[in-house]
Amino acid sequence: MNELLKLLEKDARLTPEMLAAMLDKEVGDVKAMIDEYEKNGTIVGYNALIDWEKTDREYVTALIELKITPQRDLGFDRVAERIYNYNEVQSLYLMSGGFDLCVVIEGKTMREVALFVAEKLAPMESVISTATHFVLRKYKDKGLIMKRGDVDIRSELSDGLQ
């Protein structure tokens, strides 16, 4: 039932009772569907979306493009498995277009991210090239608008360089 999954994806705090009312279903049926989705891996977890810029936690997010040579008989899967096992890796996607994999990582500083790329990703024998992009501001994440003031982060960064 795609509607149930859409509702849970938007707000995982909805109770089975609330979901049943919204979907015009029995509570027991909704609980059974959720249990089945959890067992078969359709629902892989529940997360809160945090705007970390409103806290004292300091970190940077980077998107790293990788061009790789797929391994014989394994394609991109073996390389992807090596990469997603690093704790720094938040997300990993196989992409079409100008690069093969997109790695999303978090680090305490830009230097820490750069060292991760230089010491762990770039030396992999399947990696042909990397390109690192730092996230300056999140305006919308996972379908939710991240509300902030009107200051442009690029202006803040250029002011600090003068």
Protein backbone atom coordinates (compact mmCIF):
# COMPACT_ATOMS: atom_id res chain seq x y z
CA MET A 1 0.00 0.00 0.00
CA ASN A 2 1.88 3.03 -1.31
CA GLU A 3 -0.26 5.54 0.59
CA LEU A 4 0.79 4.04 3.92
CA LEU A 5 4.45 4.23 2.94
CA LYS A 6 4.10 7.83 1.73
CA LEU A 7 2.50 8.86 5.01
CA LEU A 8 5.22 7.15 7.07
CA GLU A 9 7.95 8.64 4.93
CA LYS A 10 6.55 12.12 5.49
CA ASP A 11 6.02 11.64 9.25
CA ALA A 12 7.24 8.46 10.92
CA ARG A 13 5.66 9.61 14.21
CA LEU A 14 2.17 8.80 12.96
CA THR A 15 0.70 6.04 15.10
CA PRO A 16 -1.05 2.99 13.61
CA GLU A 17 -4.30 4.47 14.94
CA MET A 18 -3.72 7.76 13.13
CA LEU A 19 -2.69 5.98 9.95
CA ALA A 20 -5.74 3.72 10.07
CA ALA A 21 -8.03 6.75 10.34
CA MET A 22 -6.27 8.53 7.49
CA LEU A 23 -6.42 5.46 5.25
CA ASP A 24 -9.87 4.25 6.31
CA LYS A 25 -8.41 0.90 7.40
CA GLU A 26 -8.50 -1.22 10.53
CA VAL A 27 -5.71 -0.56 13.06
CA GLY A 28 -4.77 -4.25 13.08
CA ASP A 29 -4.43 -4.25 9.29
CA VAL A 30 -2.17 -1.18 9.39
CA LYS A 31 0.00 -2.74 12.11
CA ALA A 32 0.26 -5.95 10.08
CA MET A 33 1.28 -4.02 6.94
CA ILE A 34 3.94 -2.06 8.84
CA ASP A 35 5.29 -5.27 10.39
CA GLU A 36 5.48 -6.90 6.96
CA TYR A 37 7.21 -3.84 5.44
CA GLU A 38 9.78 -3.93 8.26
CA LYS A 39 10.36 -7.68 7.89
CA ASN A 40 10.77 -7.63 4.11
CA GLY A 41 13.07 -4.58 4.16
CA THR A 42 10.71 -2.11 2.47
CA ILE A 43 10.94 0.02 5.62
CA VAL A 44 14.63 0.08 6.47
CA GLY A 45 14.57 2.55 9.35
CA TYR A 46 13.05 5.62 10.96
CA ASN A 47 14.94 8.91 11.20
CA ALA A 48 14.40 12.43 12.45
CA LEU A 49 15.49 15.23 10.11
CA ILE A 50 17.60 17.64 12.16
CA ASP A 51 18.63 21.15 11.11
CA TRP A 52 22.12 20.90 12.60
CA GLU A 53 22.86 24.54 11.79
CA LYS A 54 20.52 25.48 14.63
CA THR A 55 22.69 23.56 17.10
CA ASP A 56 26.29 23.93 18.26
CA ARG A 57 27.37 20.84 16.27
CA GLU A 58 29.95 21.81 13.67
CA TYR A 59 30.35 19.69 10.56
CA VAL A 60 30.42 19.89 6.79
CA THR A 61 28.59 17.83 4.21
CA ALA A 62 30.21 16.97 0.90
CA LEU A 63 29.04 15.29 -2.28
CA ILE A 64 31.84 13.42 -3.98
CA GLU A 65 31.56 12.34 -7.59
CA LEU A 66 33.51 9.20 -8.44
CA LYS A 67 34.37 7.80 -11.82
CA ILE A 68 35.25 4.16 -11.37
CA THR A 69 36.12 1.07 -13.35
CA PRO A 70 33.53 -1.62 -12.61
CA GLN A 71 35.00 -4.91 -11.41
CA ARG A 72 34.69 -7.95 -13.61
CA ASP A 73 31.57 -10.02 -12.87
CA LEU A 74 30.69 -7.71 -9.94
CA GLY A 75 30.07 -4.40 -11.69
CA PHE A 76 29.91 -1.47 -9.31
CA ASP A 77 28.64 -3.48 -6.33
CA ARG A 78 31.99 -4.52 -4.82
CA VAL A 79 33.38 -0.98 -4.98
CA ALA A 80 30.13 0.41 -3.57
CA GLU A 81 30.26 -2.08 -0.70
CA ARG A 82 33.80 -1.00 0.23
CA ILE A 83 32.73 2.64 0.18
CA TYR A 84 29.43 2.39 2.09
CA ASN A 85 31.14 0.59 4.96
CA TYR A 86 33.07 3.75 5.92
CA ASN A 87 31.41 5.49 8.88
CA GLU A 88 31.77 8.89 7.22
CA VAL A 89 29.53 7.84 4.31
CA GLN A 90 25.94 8.96 4.80
CA SER A 91 24.63 8.02 1.36
CA LEU A 92 25.93 6.34 -1.78
CA TYR A 93 24.24 6.34 -5.18
CA LEU A 94 24.96 4.73 -8.54
CA MET A 95 24.41 7.49 -11.09
CA SER A 96 23.93 7.94 -14.79
CA GLY A 97 25.72 10.74 -16.62
CA GLY A 98 29.23 12.10 -16.19
CA PHE A 99 30.20 10.07 -13.13
CA ASP A 100 29.37 6.65 -11.70
CA LEU A 101 28.93 7.02 -7.94
CA CYS A 102 27.84 9.91 -5.75
CA VAL A 103 29.11 9.65 -2.18
CA VAL A 104 27.61 11.91 0.50
CA ILE A 105 29.78 12.25 3.57
CA GLU A 106 29.97 14.31 6.74
CA GLY A 107 33.14 15.50 8.43
CA LYS A 108 34.07 17.92 11.19
CA THR A 109 36.01 20.14 8.79
CA MET A 110 36.66 20.56 5.08
CA ARG A 111 40.18 19.29 5.74
CA GLU A 112 38.81 16.09 7.30
CA VAL A 113 36.66 15.53 4.19
CA ALA A 114 39.62 16.23 1.92
CA LEU A 115 41.73 13.71 3.84
CA PHE A 116 38.97 11.11 3.57
CA VAL A 117 38.92 11.56 -0.21
CA ALA A 118 42.72 11.61 -0.52
CA GLU A 119 43.45 8.71 1.83
CA LYS A 120 40.47 6.39 1.44
CA LEU A 121 38.59 7.00 -1.82
CA ALA A 122 41.14 8.19 -4.37
CA PRO A 123 43.67 5.38 -3.70
CA MET A 124 41.11 2.62 -4.44
CA GLU A 125 42.29 0.76 -7.52
CA SER A 126 38.89 1.06 -9.23
CA VAL A 127 38.67 4.84 -8.74
CA ILE A 128 39.61 6.80 -11.86
CA SER A 129 38.79 10.31 -10.60
CA THR A 130 37.02 12.25 -7.86
CA ALA A 131 35.34 15.66 -7.63
CA THR A 132 34.31 17.02 -4.23
CA HIS A 133 31.51 19.53 -3.72
CA PHE A 134 30.78 21.05 -0.30
CA VAL A 135 27.20 21.80 0.75
CA LEU A 136 27.02 25.46 1.79
CA ARG A 137 23.37 25.51 2.83
CA LYS A 138 20.42 23.15 2.78
CA TYR A 139 17.26 24.84 1.59
CA LYS A 140 15.19 21.67 1.35
CA ASP A 141 16.07 18.19 2.57
CA LYS A 142 14.02 15.02 2.21
CA GLY A 143 11.00 17.05 1.13
CA LEU A 144 11.14 19.49 4.05
CA ILE A 145 12.04 23.17 3.76
CA MET A 146 14.84 24.20 6.10
CA LYS A 147 13.79 27.70 7.27
CA ARG A 148 16.44 30.35 7.89
CA GLY A 149 17.15 34.03 7.58
CA ASP A 150 17.85 35.73 4.27
CA VAL A 151 21.66 35.90 4.52
CA ASP A 152 23.43 34.31 1.55
CA ILE A 153 26.15 31.95 2.84
CA ARG A 154 28.33 32.76 -0.19
CA SER A 155 28.43 36.40 0.95
CA GLU A 156 29.40 35.29 4.45
CA LEU A 157 32.21 33.14 3.03
CA SER A 158 33.57 35.88 0.74
CA ASP A 159 33.49 38.41 3.62
CA GLY A 160 35.67 36.04 5.65
CA LEU A 161 38.22 35.82 2.81
CA GLN A 162 38.82 39.58 2.60
